N, C-alpha and C. Protein backbone atom coordinates (compact mmCIF):
# COMPACT_ATOMS: atom_id res chain seq x y z
N MET A 1 -16.33 -15.48 2.80
CA MET A 1 -16.48 -14.26 1.87
C MET A 1 -17.47 -13.75 1.90
N ARG A 2 -18.02 -12.08 1.57
CA ARG A 2 -18.67 -11.96 1.55
C ARG A 2 -18.81 -10.39 0.19
N ILE A 3 -20.05 -10.44 -0.60
CA ILE A 3 -20.27 -9.66 -1.56
C ILE A 3 -21.07 -8.20 -1.15
N ARG A 4 -20.85 -7.36 -1.27
CA ARG A 4 -21.95 -5.80 -0.74
C ARG A 4 -21.61 -5.24 -1.94
N GLU A 5 -23.01 -4.97 -1.98
CA GLU A 5 -23.55 -3.68 -2.97
C GLU A 5 -22.85 -2.39 -2.57
N CYS A 6 -21.61 -1.39 -3.51
CA CYS A 6 -21.52 -0.03 -2.52
C CYS A 6 -22.16 0.68 -3.85
N GLY A 7 -23.60 1.30 -3.88
CA GLY A 7 -24.15 1.88 -4.39
C GLY A 7 -24.11 1.20 -6.01
N ASP A 8 -24.84 2.13 -7.05
CA ASP A 8 -25.14 1.26 -8.20
C ASP A 8 -24.20 0.93 -9.48
N SER A 9 -22.75 0.57 -8.55
CA SER A 9 -22.36 0.89 -9.91
C SER A 9 -20.75 -0.11 -9.21
N MET A 10 -20.66 -0.35 -7.99
CA MET A 10 -19.38 -1.04 -7.58
C MET A 10 -20.28 -2.00 -6.46
N LEU A 11 -19.06 -3.57 -6.64
CA LEU A 11 -19.42 -4.59 -5.59
C LEU A 11 -18.07 -4.74 -4.55
N LEU A 12 -17.96 -4.69 -3.75
CA LEU A 12 -17.11 -4.92 -2.41
C LEU A 12 -16.64 -6.33 -2.14
N VAL A 13 -15.88 -6.98 -2.43
CA VAL A 13 -15.69 -8.18 -2.11
C VAL A 13 -14.91 -8.63 -1.17
N GLU A 14 -15.31 -8.83 0.18
CA GLU A 14 -14.75 -9.10 1.21
C GLU A 14 -14.35 -10.54 1.58
N LEU A 15 -12.60 -10.45 1.52
CA LEU A 15 -12.16 -12.26 2.10
C LEU A 15 -12.28 -11.79 3.38
N ALA A 16 -11.91 -11.21 4.88
CA ALA A 16 -11.90 -11.41 5.83
C ALA A 16 -11.13 -10.25 6.65
N SER A 17 -11.75 -9.80 7.55
CA SER A 17 -11.42 -8.72 8.51
C SER A 17 -10.07 -8.59 9.33
N VAL A 18 -9.00 -8.96 8.18
CA VAL A 18 -7.36 -8.72 9.12
C VAL A 18 -6.86 -8.34 8.02
N ILE A 19 -5.53 -7.75 8.23
CA ILE A 19 -4.45 -7.59 7.79
C ILE A 19 -3.21 -8.90 7.92
N ASP A 20 -3.78 -9.07 6.82
CA ASP A 20 -2.21 -10.29 6.80
C ASP A 20 -2.21 -10.70 5.23
N PRO A 21 -0.41 -11.19 5.37
CA PRO A 21 0.31 -11.33 3.60
C PRO A 21 -0.83 -12.16 3.68
N LEU A 22 -0.90 -13.41 3.55
CA LEU A 22 -2.29 -14.64 2.88
C LEU A 22 -3.25 -14.13 2.49
N VAL A 23 -3.72 -13.32 3.27
CA VAL A 23 -5.07 -12.88 2.54
C VAL A 23 -5.18 -12.18 1.53
N ASN A 24 -4.22 -10.91 1.56
CA ASN A 24 -3.83 -10.26 0.96
C ASN A 24 -2.96 -10.51 -0.59
N THR A 25 -2.84 -11.38 -0.58
CA THR A 25 -1.80 -12.65 -1.09
C THR A 25 -3.43 -13.07 -2.45
N ARG A 26 -4.69 -13.04 -1.57
CA ARG A 26 -5.51 -13.97 -2.02
C ARG A 26 -6.58 -12.69 -2.72
N ALA A 27 -6.11 -11.30 -2.14
CA ALA A 27 -7.22 -10.41 -3.07
C ALA A 27 -6.44 -10.26 -4.20
N ILE A 28 -4.81 -10.13 -4.15
CA ILE A 28 -4.43 -9.51 -5.40
C ILE A 28 -5.28 -10.30 -6.51
N ALA A 29 -5.01 -11.90 -5.65
CA ALA A 29 -4.77 -12.92 -7.14
C ALA A 29 -5.99 -13.51 -7.46
N LEU A 30 -7.25 -12.81 -6.65
CA LEU A 30 -8.30 -13.08 -7.57
C LEU A 30 -8.98 -11.26 -8.13
N ALA A 31 -8.37 -10.17 -7.95
CA ALA A 31 -8.57 -9.28 -8.49
C ALA A 31 -7.59 -9.66 -9.90
N THR A 32 -6.51 -10.15 -10.04
CA THR A 32 -6.29 -10.48 -11.42
C THR A 32 -6.86 -10.94 -12.07
N ARG A 33 -7.35 -12.29 -11.61
CA ARG A 33 -8.62 -13.11 -12.59
C ARG A 33 -9.57 -12.62 -12.58
N LEU A 34 -9.77 -11.76 -12.19
CA LEU A 34 -11.26 -11.14 -12.52
C LEU A 34 -11.27 -10.16 -13.15
N ARG A 35 -10.19 -9.34 -13.22
CA ARG A 35 -9.66 -8.66 -14.69
C ARG A 35 -9.42 -9.44 -15.75
N ASP A 36 -8.63 -10.55 -15.70
CA ASP A 36 -8.32 -11.52 -16.72
C ASP A 36 -9.91 -12.06 -17.73
N ARG A 37 -10.91 -11.74 -16.77
CA ARG A 37 -12.52 -12.88 -17.41
C ARG A 37 -12.70 -11.40 -18.67
N GLN A 38 -12.10 -10.24 -18.08
CA GLN A 38 -12.93 -9.08 -18.83
C GLN A 38 -14.12 -9.00 -19.69
N ALA A 39 -15.01 -9.93 -18.34
CA ALA A 39 -16.44 -9.66 -17.36
C ALA A 39 -17.05 -8.44 -18.53
N ARG A 40 -18.33 -8.68 -19.51
CA ARG A 40 -18.81 -7.62 -19.92
C ARG A 40 -19.71 -6.62 -18.63
N GLY A 41 -18.70 -4.89 -18.99
CA GLY A 41 -19.23 -3.67 -18.39
C GLY A 41 -18.24 -3.71 -16.89
N VAL A 42 -17.42 -4.45 -16.63
CA VAL A 42 -16.36 -4.07 -15.71
C VAL A 42 -15.61 -3.11 -16.17
N ARG A 43 -15.55 -2.13 -15.45
CA ARG A 43 -14.33 -0.83 -15.22
C ARG A 43 -13.11 -1.35 -15.28
N ASP A 44 -13.50 -1.77 -14.03
CA ASP A 44 -11.60 -1.70 -13.01
C ASP A 44 -12.39 -2.32 -11.49
N VAL A 45 -10.98 -3.24 -11.32
CA VAL A 45 -10.89 -4.25 -10.46
C VAL A 45 -9.87 -3.62 -9.42
N ALA A 46 -10.07 -3.50 -8.07
CA ALA A 46 -8.89 -2.93 -7.49
C ALA A 46 -8.86 -3.83 -5.71
N PRO A 47 -7.45 -4.13 -5.42
CA PRO A 47 -7.44 -5.00 -4.47
C PRO A 47 -6.99 -4.52 -3.34
N GLY A 48 -8.02 -4.16 -2.31
CA GLY A 48 -6.98 -3.69 -1.00
C GLY A 48 -6.53 -4.55 -0.21
N TYR A 49 -6.11 -4.07 1.15
CA TYR A 49 -5.54 -5.12 1.77
C TYR A 49 -6.24 -6.57 2.27
N CYS A 50 -7.70 -6.58 2.77
CA CYS A 50 -8.10 -7.88 2.34
C CYS A 50 -9.88 -7.54 1.49
N THR A 51 -9.90 -6.83 0.44
CA THR A 51 -11.22 -6.48 -0.27
C THR A 51 -10.94 -6.70 -1.43
N ILE A 52 -11.95 -6.86 -2.30
CA ILE A 52 -11.25 -5.77 -3.81
C ILE A 52 -12.70 -5.26 -4.48
N GLY A 53 -12.58 -4.22 -4.61
CA GLY A 53 -13.25 -3.30 -5.30
C GLY A 53 -13.49 -3.53 -6.58
N VAL A 54 -14.65 -4.07 -6.94
CA VAL A 54 -15.30 -4.60 -8.87
C VAL A 54 -16.28 -2.97 -9.30
N HIS A 55 -15.71 -2.45 -9.83
CA HIS A 55 -16.11 -1.46 -10.93
C HIS A 55 -17.02 -1.08 -11.94
N PHE A 56 -18.38 -1.31 -12.08
CA PHE A 56 -18.69 -1.20 -13.01
C PHE A 56 -20.05 -0.28 -13.68
N ASP A 57 -20.13 -0.64 -15.07
CA ASP A 57 -21.04 -0.37 -15.29
C ASP A 57 -22.71 -0.81 -15.61
N PRO A 58 -24.08 -0.51 -14.29
CA PRO A 58 -24.75 -1.03 -14.55
C PRO A 58 -25.50 -1.61 -15.21
N LEU A 59 -25.35 -0.54 -16.22
CA LEU A 59 -26.50 -0.49 -17.86
C LEU A 59 -25.61 -1.50 -18.56
N GLN A 60 -24.50 -2.18 -18.37
CA GLN A 60 -23.86 -3.31 -19.05
C GLN A 60 -23.55 -4.52 -18.61
N THR A 61 -23.90 -4.04 -17.21
CA THR A 61 -23.81 -5.57 -15.91
C THR A 61 -24.88 -6.47 -15.82
N ASP A 62 -24.55 -7.66 -16.01
CA ASP A 62 -25.68 -8.62 -15.40
C ASP A 62 -25.59 -9.07 -14.25
N LEU A 63 -25.67 -8.38 -13.00
CA LEU A 63 -25.24 -8.22 -11.41
C LEU A 63 -24.96 -9.93 -10.88
N LEU A 64 -26.03 -10.73 -11.26
CA LEU A 64 -26.10 -11.70 -10.80
C LEU A 64 -24.84 -12.62 -11.53
N ALA A 65 -24.41 -12.20 -12.54
CA ALA A 65 -23.50 -13.29 -13.11
C ALA A 65 -22.61 -13.04 -12.50
N LEU A 66 -22.30 -11.45 -11.99
CA LEU A 66 -20.66 -11.03 -11.85
C LEU A 66 -20.94 -11.48 -10.62
N GLU A 67 -21.45 -11.29 -9.96
CA GLU A 67 -21.58 -11.75 -8.33
C GLU A 67 -21.36 -13.86 -8.23
N ALA A 68 -22.23 -14.43 -9.26
CA ALA A 68 -21.76 -15.79 -9.70
C ALA A 68 -19.98 -16.22 -9.82
N ALA A 69 -19.30 -15.12 -10.63
CA ALA A 69 -18.31 -15.12 -11.18
C ALA A 69 -17.36 -14.30 -10.26
N ILE A 70 -17.22 -14.17 -9.55
CA ILE A 70 -16.65 -13.47 -8.35
C ILE A 70 -16.36 -14.75 -7.77
N ALA A 71 -17.62 -15.48 -7.17
CA ALA A 71 -17.50 -16.48 -6.34
C ALA A 71 -16.64 -17.80 -6.87
N ASP A 72 -17.04 -17.96 -8.36
CA ASP A 72 -16.51 -18.90 -8.47
C ASP A 72 -15.02 -18.71 -8.89
N GLU A 73 -14.70 -17.78 -9.19
CA GLU A 73 -12.83 -17.62 -8.84
C GLU A 73 -12.34 -17.25 -7.73
N ALA A 74 -13.33 -17.00 -6.57
CA ALA A 74 -12.73 -17.23 -4.89
C ALA A 74 -12.33 -18.26 -4.71
N ALA A 75 -13.53 -19.06 -5.14
CA ALA A 75 -13.06 -20.34 -4.84
C ALA A 75 -12.02 -21.04 -5.69
N LEU A 76 -11.60 -20.85 -6.77
CA LEU A 76 -10.52 -21.12 -7.46
C LEU A 76 -9.22 -20.64 -6.47
N VAL A 77 -9.05 -19.23 -6.34
CA VAL A 77 -8.11 -18.47 -5.75
C VAL A 77 -7.86 -19.86 -4.52
N GLU A 78 -8.93 -19.51 -3.20
CA GLU A 78 -8.83 -20.07 -2.24
C GLU A 78 -8.16 -21.56 -1.67
N THR A 79 -8.00 -22.17 -2.80
CA THR A 79 -6.88 -23.63 -3.21
C THR A 79 -6.01 -23.30 -3.77
N MET A 80 -5.63 -22.13 -4.38
CA MET A 80 -4.28 -22.24 -4.94
C MET A 80 -3.34 -21.59 -4.61
N VAL A 81 -3.78 -20.71 -3.73
CA VAL A 81 -2.66 -19.53 -3.46
C VAL A 81 -2.13 -19.65 -2.57
N THR A 82 -0.74 -19.69 -2.12
CA THR A 82 0.11 -19.56 -1.05
C THR A 82 1.03 -18.58 -0.93
N GLU A 83 1.65 -18.18 0.05
CA GLU A 83 2.36 -16.95 0.21
C GLU A 83 3.47 -17.28 -0.55
N LEU A 84 4.49 -16.16 -1.51
CA LEU A 84 5.28 -16.46 -2.72
C LEU A 84 6.31 -15.87 -1.96
N SER A 85 8.13 -15.98 -1.65
CA SER A 85 8.86 -14.96 -1.24
C SER A 85 9.33 -14.44 -2.71
N GLN A 86 9.51 -13.49 -2.36
CA GLN A 86 10.54 -12.72 -3.71
C GLN A 86 11.61 -11.54 -3.07
N ALA A 87 12.51 -11.36 -4.09
CA ALA A 87 13.71 -10.59 -3.79
C ALA A 87 12.93 -8.95 -3.15
N PRO A 88 13.61 -8.57 -2.71
CA PRO A 88 12.73 -7.05 -2.01
C PRO A 88 13.07 -5.96 -3.16
N ILE A 89 13.01 -5.24 -2.85
CA ILE A 89 12.66 -3.69 -3.46
C ILE A 89 13.39 -2.99 -2.70
N GLU A 90 14.88 -2.20 -2.98
CA GLU A 90 15.42 -1.24 -1.97
C GLU A 90 15.10 -0.09 -2.46
N ILE A 91 14.78 0.82 -1.72
CA ILE A 91 14.69 2.14 -2.10
C ILE A 91 15.67 3.11 -0.50
N GLY A 92 16.91 3.59 -1.42
CA GLY A 92 17.43 4.52 -0.26
C GLY A 92 16.94 5.52 0.05
N VAL A 93 16.96 6.04 1.45
CA VAL A 93 16.02 6.99 1.82
C VAL A 93 17.56 7.76 2.64
N ILE A 94 17.06 9.08 2.73
CA ILE A 94 18.25 9.92 3.48
C ILE A 94 16.82 10.36 4.64
N TYR A 95 17.45 9.78 6.35
CA TYR A 95 16.72 10.40 7.08
C TYR A 95 16.76 11.71 7.77
N GLY A 96 15.99 11.88 8.51
CA GLY A 96 16.37 12.87 9.20
C GLY A 96 16.71 14.33 8.44
N GLY A 97 17.07 15.29 9.55
CA GLY A 97 17.15 16.72 8.80
C GLY A 97 15.69 17.52 7.90
N GLU A 98 16.14 17.88 6.84
CA GLU A 98 15.31 18.90 6.22
C GLU A 98 14.42 17.62 5.63
N ALA A 99 15.40 16.53 5.71
CA ALA A 99 14.23 15.50 4.63
C ALA A 99 13.25 14.31 5.19
N GLY A 100 13.76 14.92 6.65
CA GLY A 100 12.80 13.99 7.69
C GLY A 100 12.71 14.39 8.99
N PRO A 101 11.16 15.78 8.70
CA PRO A 101 11.84 16.69 9.52
C PRO A 101 10.77 16.31 10.87
N ASP A 102 9.74 15.53 10.84
CA ASP A 102 9.33 14.68 12.21
C ASP A 102 10.03 13.43 12.59
N LEU A 103 11.03 13.43 12.56
CA LEU A 103 12.28 12.37 12.53
C LEU A 103 12.19 12.10 14.02
N ALA A 104 12.82 13.63 14.60
CA ALA A 104 12.89 13.58 16.23
C ALA A 104 11.80 13.11 17.15
N ALA A 105 10.51 13.72 16.61
CA ALA A 105 9.47 13.95 17.32
C ALA A 105 8.66 12.12 17.10
N VAL A 106 9.35 11.81 16.72
CA VAL A 106 8.81 10.25 16.03
C VAL A 106 9.42 9.82 17.34
N ALA A 107 10.80 9.98 17.31
CA ALA A 107 11.80 9.02 18.67
C ALA A 107 11.57 9.52 19.82
N GLU A 108 10.99 10.77 19.81
CA GLU A 108 10.57 11.28 21.07
C GLU A 108 9.50 10.81 22.05
N ARG A 109 8.44 10.09 20.95
CA ARG A 109 7.30 9.37 21.46
C ARG A 109 7.67 7.92 21.69
N ALA A 110 8.71 7.75 20.89
CA ALA A 110 8.68 6.00 20.69
C ALA A 110 9.42 5.67 22.00
N GLY A 111 10.07 6.53 23.04
CA GLY A 111 11.22 6.56 23.83
C GLY A 111 12.27 6.54 23.40
N CYS A 112 13.33 6.86 22.27
CA CYS A 112 14.70 6.46 21.80
C CYS A 112 15.03 7.34 21.16
N THR A 113 16.40 7.05 20.33
CA THR A 113 16.58 8.26 19.61
C THR A 113 16.55 8.43 18.09
N PRO A 114 16.87 9.35 17.84
CA PRO A 114 16.47 9.16 16.15
C PRO A 114 17.22 7.60 15.57
N ALA A 115 18.29 7.32 15.70
CA ALA A 115 19.06 7.07 15.37
C ALA A 115 18.39 5.25 15.44
N ASP A 116 17.90 4.76 16.47
CA ASP A 116 16.84 4.11 16.79
C ASP A 116 15.63 4.14 15.56
N VAL A 117 15.35 4.69 15.51
CA VAL A 117 14.06 4.93 14.90
C VAL A 117 14.67 4.46 12.91
N VAL A 118 15.65 5.19 12.81
CA VAL A 118 16.05 4.77 11.61
C VAL A 118 16.89 3.42 11.78
N GLU A 119 17.23 2.47 12.75
CA GLU A 119 17.34 1.36 12.39
C GLU A 119 15.95 0.23 12.42
N ARG A 120 15.60 0.93 13.42
CA ARG A 120 14.20 0.32 13.27
C ARG A 120 13.22 0.30 12.04
N HIS A 121 13.46 1.16 11.60
CA HIS A 121 12.64 1.59 10.43
C HIS A 121 13.36 0.29 8.75
N THR A 122 14.57 0.53 9.30
CA THR A 122 15.17 -0.02 8.21
C THR A 122 15.35 -1.37 8.13
N ALA A 123 15.39 -2.24 9.26
CA ALA A 123 15.71 -3.43 9.58
C ALA A 123 14.90 -4.75 9.04
N ARG A 124 13.23 -3.89 8.64
CA ARG A 124 12.37 -4.47 8.41
C ARG A 124 11.98 -4.69 6.77
N THR A 125 11.38 -5.70 6.35
CA THR A 125 11.11 -5.99 5.03
C THR A 125 9.64 -6.03 5.03
N TYR A 126 8.93 -5.07 4.13
CA TYR A 126 7.85 -4.43 4.08
C TYR A 126 6.51 -4.65 2.63
N ARG A 127 5.31 -5.65 3.23
CA ARG A 127 5.22 -6.06 2.00
C ARG A 127 4.28 -4.80 1.46
N VAL A 128 3.85 -4.57 0.52
CA VAL A 128 2.68 -3.51 -0.10
C VAL A 128 1.62 -4.08 0.02
N TYR A 129 0.55 -3.68 0.61
CA TYR A 129 -0.65 -4.38 0.56
C TYR A 129 -1.88 -3.58 -0.60
N MET A 130 -1.15 -2.10 -0.84
CA MET A 130 -2.33 -1.88 -1.62
C MET A 130 -1.78 -0.44 -2.16
N LEU A 131 -2.57 -0.02 -3.23
CA LEU A 131 -2.16 1.45 -3.83
C LEU A 131 -3.30 2.20 -3.73
N GLY A 132 -3.05 3.72 -3.50
CA GLY A 132 -4.48 4.56 -3.33
C GLY A 132 -3.23 5.82 -2.81
N PHE A 133 -4.88 6.81 -2.69
CA PHE A 133 -4.18 7.68 -2.22
C PHE A 133 -4.32 8.50 -3.65
N VAL A 134 -2.75 8.68 -4.04
CA VAL A 134 -2.48 9.33 -4.95
C VAL A 134 -2.02 8.26 -6.21
N PRO A 135 -1.87 8.63 -7.58
CA PRO A 135 -0.94 7.18 -8.36
C PRO A 135 0.49 6.87 -7.61
N GLY A 136 0.50 5.40 -7.47
CA GLY A 136 1.63 4.81 -6.92
C GLY A 136 1.92 5.14 -5.19
N PHE A 137 1.06 5.60 -4.54
CA PHE A 137 0.93 5.58 -3.00
C PHE A 137 0.88 4.22 -2.86
N ALA A 138 2.06 3.62 -2.29
CA ALA A 138 1.63 2.39 -1.59
C ALA A 138 1.77 2.11 0.09
N TYR A 139 0.80 1.60 0.51
CA TYR A 139 0.59 1.41 1.68
C TYR A 139 1.05 -0.05 2.25
N MET A 140 2.36 0.31 3.14
CA MET A 140 3.07 -0.42 3.28
C MET A 140 3.34 -1.17 5.05
N GLY A 141 3.60 -2.49 5.10
CA GLY A 141 3.38 -2.61 6.79
C GLY A 141 3.95 -3.99 6.90
N ARG A 142 4.78 -4.12 8.40
CA ARG A 142 4.07 -3.38 9.43
C ARG A 142 5.15 -2.76 9.91
N VAL A 143 5.24 -1.57 10.31
CA VAL A 143 6.45 -1.30 11.12
C VAL A 143 6.58 -1.73 12.21
N ASP A 144 7.86 -1.14 13.41
CA ASP A 144 8.32 -2.15 14.31
C ASP A 144 7.17 -1.20 14.99
N ALA A 145 5.97 -1.51 16.44
CA ALA A 145 5.43 -1.53 16.73
C ALA A 145 5.99 -0.35 17.81
N THR A 146 7.18 -0.42 18.13
CA THR A 146 7.53 0.96 19.15
C THR A 146 7.72 2.23 18.19
N ILE A 147 7.32 2.15 16.56
CA ILE A 147 7.78 3.42 16.32
C ILE A 147 6.45 3.42 15.33
N ALA A 148 5.86 2.86 15.53
CA ALA A 148 4.33 3.04 15.12
C ALA A 148 3.34 4.42 15.78
N MET A 149 3.12 5.32 14.80
CA MET A 149 2.46 6.93 15.33
C MET A 149 1.59 6.78 14.58
N PRO A 150 0.64 8.06 15.32
CA PRO A 150 -0.63 8.44 14.85
C PRO A 150 -0.29 9.49 13.84
N ARG A 151 -1.20 9.87 12.82
CA ARG A 151 -0.99 10.69 11.66
C ARG A 151 -1.41 11.97 12.78
N HIS A 152 -0.86 13.19 11.83
CA HIS A 152 -0.70 14.84 12.43
C HIS A 152 -2.34 14.61 12.25
N ARG A 153 -2.46 15.71 13.43
CA ARG A 153 -4.04 16.21 13.36
C ARG A 153 -4.55 17.12 12.38
N VAL A 154 -3.59 18.10 12.48
CA VAL A 154 -4.01 18.76 10.72
C VAL A 154 -2.83 18.46 9.91
N PRO A 155 -3.21 17.81 8.58
CA PRO A 155 -2.25 17.38 7.50
C PRO A 155 -1.72 18.67 7.15
N ARG A 156 0.22 18.04 6.56
CA ARG A 156 0.60 19.53 6.07
C ARG A 156 -0.35 20.18 4.50
N GLU A 157 -0.22 20.71 4.12
CA GLU A 157 -0.47 21.14 2.88
C GLU A 157 0.05 20.47 1.57
N ARG A 158 1.48 20.54 1.88
CA ARG A 158 2.33 20.12 0.75
C ARG A 158 3.43 19.22 1.01
N VAL A 159 3.62 17.83 1.12
CA VAL A 159 4.68 16.72 1.42
C VAL A 159 5.23 17.10 0.07
N PRO A 160 6.57 16.98 0.01
CA PRO A 160 7.82 16.55 -1.25
C PRO A 160 7.54 15.11 -1.39
N ALA A 161 7.89 15.28 -3.51
CA ALA A 161 7.81 13.56 -3.81
C ALA A 161 8.71 13.21 -2.81
N GLY A 162 8.84 11.82 -2.79
CA GLY A 162 9.78 10.99 -1.93
C GLY A 162 10.10 10.82 -0.54
N SER A 163 9.18 11.83 0.03
CA SER A 163 8.88 11.99 1.55
C SER A 163 8.33 10.60 2.07
N VAL A 164 9.13 9.66 3.11
CA VAL A 164 9.09 8.27 3.19
C VAL A 164 8.35 8.59 4.91
N GLY A 165 7.10 8.45 5.42
CA GLY A 165 6.36 8.32 6.36
C GLY A 165 6.06 7.41 6.98
N ILE A 166 5.34 7.95 8.61
CA ILE A 166 4.64 6.26 9.08
C ILE A 166 3.63 6.71 9.42
N ALA A 167 2.29 5.87 9.63
CA ALA A 167 1.48 6.61 10.04
C ALA A 167 0.88 5.13 10.34
N GLY A 168 -0.01 5.16 11.85
CA GLY A 168 -0.30 3.92 12.61
C GLY A 168 0.84 2.83 12.38
N GLU A 169 0.62 1.66 11.89
CA GLU A 169 1.64 0.59 11.45
C GLU A 169 2.19 0.70 10.41
N GLN A 170 1.46 1.63 9.13
CA GLN A 170 1.85 1.62 8.13
C GLN A 170 2.81 2.49 7.91
N THR A 171 3.73 2.31 6.51
CA THR A 171 5.02 2.66 5.88
C THR A 171 4.52 3.44 4.75
N GLY A 172 5.31 4.27 4.00
CA GLY A 172 5.08 4.80 2.69
C GLY A 172 5.85 6.06 2.48
N VAL A 173 5.94 6.12 1.11
CA VAL A 173 6.55 7.02 0.13
C VAL A 173 5.65 7.82 -0.77
N TYR A 174 6.30 8.88 -0.28
CA TYR A 174 4.44 9.61 -1.18
C TYR A 174 5.49 9.93 -2.57
N PRO A 175 4.14 9.52 -3.63
CA PRO A 175 5.10 9.55 -5.15
C PRO A 175 5.47 10.55 -5.98
N VAL A 176 4.52 11.78 -5.39
CA VAL A 176 4.30 12.58 -6.00
C VAL A 176 3.57 14.11 -4.60
N ALA A 177 3.99 15.24 -4.98
CA ALA A 177 3.83 16.46 -3.94
C ALA A 177 2.70 16.04 -3.45
N SER A 178 2.06 16.28 -2.30
CA SER A 178 0.54 16.56 -2.48
C SER A 178 0.59 16.54 -0.67
N PRO A 179 -0.56 17.20 -0.14
CA PRO A 179 -0.42 17.50 1.14
C PRO A 179 -0.99 15.92 1.96
N GLY A 180 -0.55 15.78 3.09
CA GLY A 180 -0.19 14.18 3.95
C GLY A 180 -0.45 14.44 5.07
N GLY A 181 -0.52 14.02 6.04
CA GLY A 181 -0.47 13.86 7.66
C GLY A 181 0.21 13.01 8.07
N TRP A 182 0.97 11.81 7.35
CA TRP A 182 1.45 10.96 7.82
C TRP A 182 2.66 11.81 8.38
N GLN A 183 4.03 11.00 9.52
CA GLN A 183 4.85 11.38 10.21
C GLN A 183 6.17 11.12 9.40
N LEU A 184 7.24 11.94 8.54
CA LEU A 184 7.66 12.42 7.89
C LEU A 184 9.35 12.37 8.56
N ILE A 185 9.70 10.85 8.34
CA ILE A 185 10.88 10.96 8.57
C ILE A 185 12.18 10.80 7.57
N GLY A 186 12.34 10.80 6.21
CA GLY A 186 13.16 10.85 5.25
C GLY A 186 12.53 10.82 4.22
N ARG A 187 13.34 10.90 3.79
CA ARG A 187 13.08 11.29 2.13
C ARG A 187 13.67 10.45 0.69
N THR A 188 13.43 9.91 -0.10
CA THR A 188 14.29 9.16 -1.12
C THR A 188 13.86 9.90 -2.74
N SER A 189 15.20 9.48 -3.54
CA SER A 189 15.44 9.99 -5.04
C SER A 189 14.58 9.39 -5.70
N THR A 190 14.42 8.23 -5.27
CA THR A 190 13.74 7.09 -6.04
C THR A 190 13.03 7.30 -6.87
N VAL A 191 12.02 7.62 -7.85
CA VAL A 191 10.88 8.13 -8.53
C VAL A 191 9.86 6.89 -8.47
N MET A 192 9.16 6.93 -7.61
CA MET A 192 7.68 6.10 -7.15
C MET A 192 6.57 5.53 -8.49
N PHE A 193 6.58 7.16 -9.43
CA PHE A 193 5.15 7.16 -10.21
C PHE A 193 6.21 7.97 -11.40
N ASP A 194 5.87 7.12 -12.25
CA ASP A 194 6.31 8.12 -13.92
C ASP A 194 5.36 7.42 -14.88
N PRO A 195 4.27 8.22 -15.04
CA PRO A 195 3.55 8.00 -16.01
C PRO A 195 3.98 7.60 -17.50
N THR A 196 4.83 7.84 -17.94
CA THR A 196 5.89 7.42 -18.53
C THR A 196 6.59 5.93 -19.23
N ARG A 197 6.54 5.55 -18.25
CA ARG A 197 7.19 3.70 -17.73
C ARG A 197 5.98 3.15 -17.71
N SER A 198 6.58 2.26 -18.50
CA SER A 198 5.65 0.68 -19.26
C SER A 198 4.96 -0.08 -17.82
N GLN A 199 5.34 0.15 -16.85
CA GLN A 199 4.65 0.29 -15.86
C GLN A 199 4.83 1.67 -14.61
N ALA A 200 3.87 2.33 -14.68
CA ALA A 200 3.72 3.53 -14.18
C ALA A 200 4.56 3.78 -12.33
N SER A 201 4.09 3.23 -12.04
CA SER A 201 4.35 2.98 -10.40
C SER A 201 5.19 1.49 -10.15
N LEU A 202 5.97 2.01 -9.32
CA LEU A 202 7.26 1.68 -9.16
C LEU A 202 7.18 0.15 -8.61
N LEU A 203 6.02 0.43 -7.32
CA LEU A 203 6.03 -0.84 -6.65
C LEU A 203 4.07 -1.65 -7.00
N ALA A 204 3.92 -2.90 -6.76
CA ALA A 204 2.44 -3.13 -7.42
C ALA A 204 2.25 -3.94 -5.88
N PRO A 205 1.36 -3.91 -5.81
CA PRO A 205 0.46 -4.93 -4.59
C PRO A 205 1.18 -6.68 -3.92
N GLY A 206 1.67 -6.91 -3.38
CA GLY A 206 2.32 -8.23 -3.51
C GLY A 206 3.69 -8.31 -3.35
N ASP A 207 4.35 -6.82 -3.98
CA ASP A 207 5.66 -6.66 -4.03
C ASP A 207 6.28 -6.52 -2.33
N GLU A 208 7.54 -6.76 -2.03
CA GLU A 208 8.30 -6.63 -0.93
C GLU A 208 9.02 -5.51 -0.95
N VAL A 209 9.48 -4.63 0.21
CA VAL A 209 10.67 -3.52 0.30
C VAL A 209 11.37 -3.33 1.08
N ARG A 210 12.56 -2.85 0.80
CA ARG A 210 13.65 -2.73 1.90
C ARG A 210 13.82 -1.27 2.10
N PHE A 211 14.41 -0.38 3.37
CA PHE A 211 14.57 0.97 2.89
C PHE A 211 16.19 0.40 3.56
N VAL A 212 17.02 1.67 2.88
CA VAL A 212 18.40 1.62 2.95
C VAL A 212 19.14 2.79 3.32
N PRO A 213 19.22 3.24 4.66
CA PRO A 213 19.57 4.55 4.77
C PRO A 213 21.05 5.15 4.43
N LEU A 214 20.97 5.92 3.78
CA LEU A 214 21.69 6.27 2.62
C LEU A 214 23.06 7.36 3.26
N ALA A 215 24.04 8.01 2.83
CA ALA A 215 25.06 8.85 3.61
C ALA A 215 24.02 10.43 3.74
N GLY A 216 24.58 10.60 4.77
CA GLY A 216 23.64 12.09 5.12
C GLY A 216 22.66 11.68 5.98
N SER A 217 21.95 10.34 6.55
CA SER A 217 21.05 10.22 7.17
C SER A 217 21.40 10.91 9.06
N CYS A 218 20.41 10.77 9.39
CA CYS A 218 20.73 10.95 10.67
C CYS A 218 21.79 9.88 11.89
N ARG A 219 22.55 9.91 12.65
CA ARG A 219 23.14 8.90 13.29
C ARG A 219 22.82 8.75 14.68
C-alpha cells in the first residue's frame, strides 16, 4: 500500500496497480471503514478500482494522524476481507436499432454478428468496480475480450439516459443524458439514478450485474 498527497486536500491510497475483484473488495471495505471513523476534517472517501481517494479540509485535519489511521484500517482490512458472492442485479436491455446505434460496428470490428455481440455481452456477470463520471455511472467489467472496444475518437454531444455501452473491457449504463464516447449497443428503461430514492444510485461498488436481452433486441 502507498499513500500519496494529491494537492493540499486529498490523499490517494493505492492498494495495487491491478484490476482485480479481491483488491477492489478491499478498497471498498477500507473506504467504508474510513467513512465510519468520521475523522475530523475528512469530507469524502471514494473507492476506485484499486485506490481510495480521501478528501479532507487541510485547515481541520491532522495529516499525520489521518495517514496513520489509514494504515491501521488498511492492515485490518487486509486480514479480514474475502470475495463474497451475491445475487446479481438484472437489468433488461433492448439491443441494437435506435437503442444501440453502435452494435453493428462493434460486431464488424469483433468479426461476428450483432446477435453474437448480444450473446457475449449478456453471458457474463459483471462486477461494479466504482462509480464516477456522472452520479450513478457504474464502471463494470470485464466484457468478453472479443467485444472489447475503444471509445469513439469524438464523443457524442448527447447520449440518452439508459444507454448501455462498451469502452475497452468495461461496460456501463448512462444514468442521465450526457456527452459520452462509449460504444452504444443497447438501452434500458431501468432508472439507474434517482435523487429522491433513499439510495439514489441503483448500483454500488461491489455489486454484481447481469444484462438481460428484452423483446425487440437484435437477433
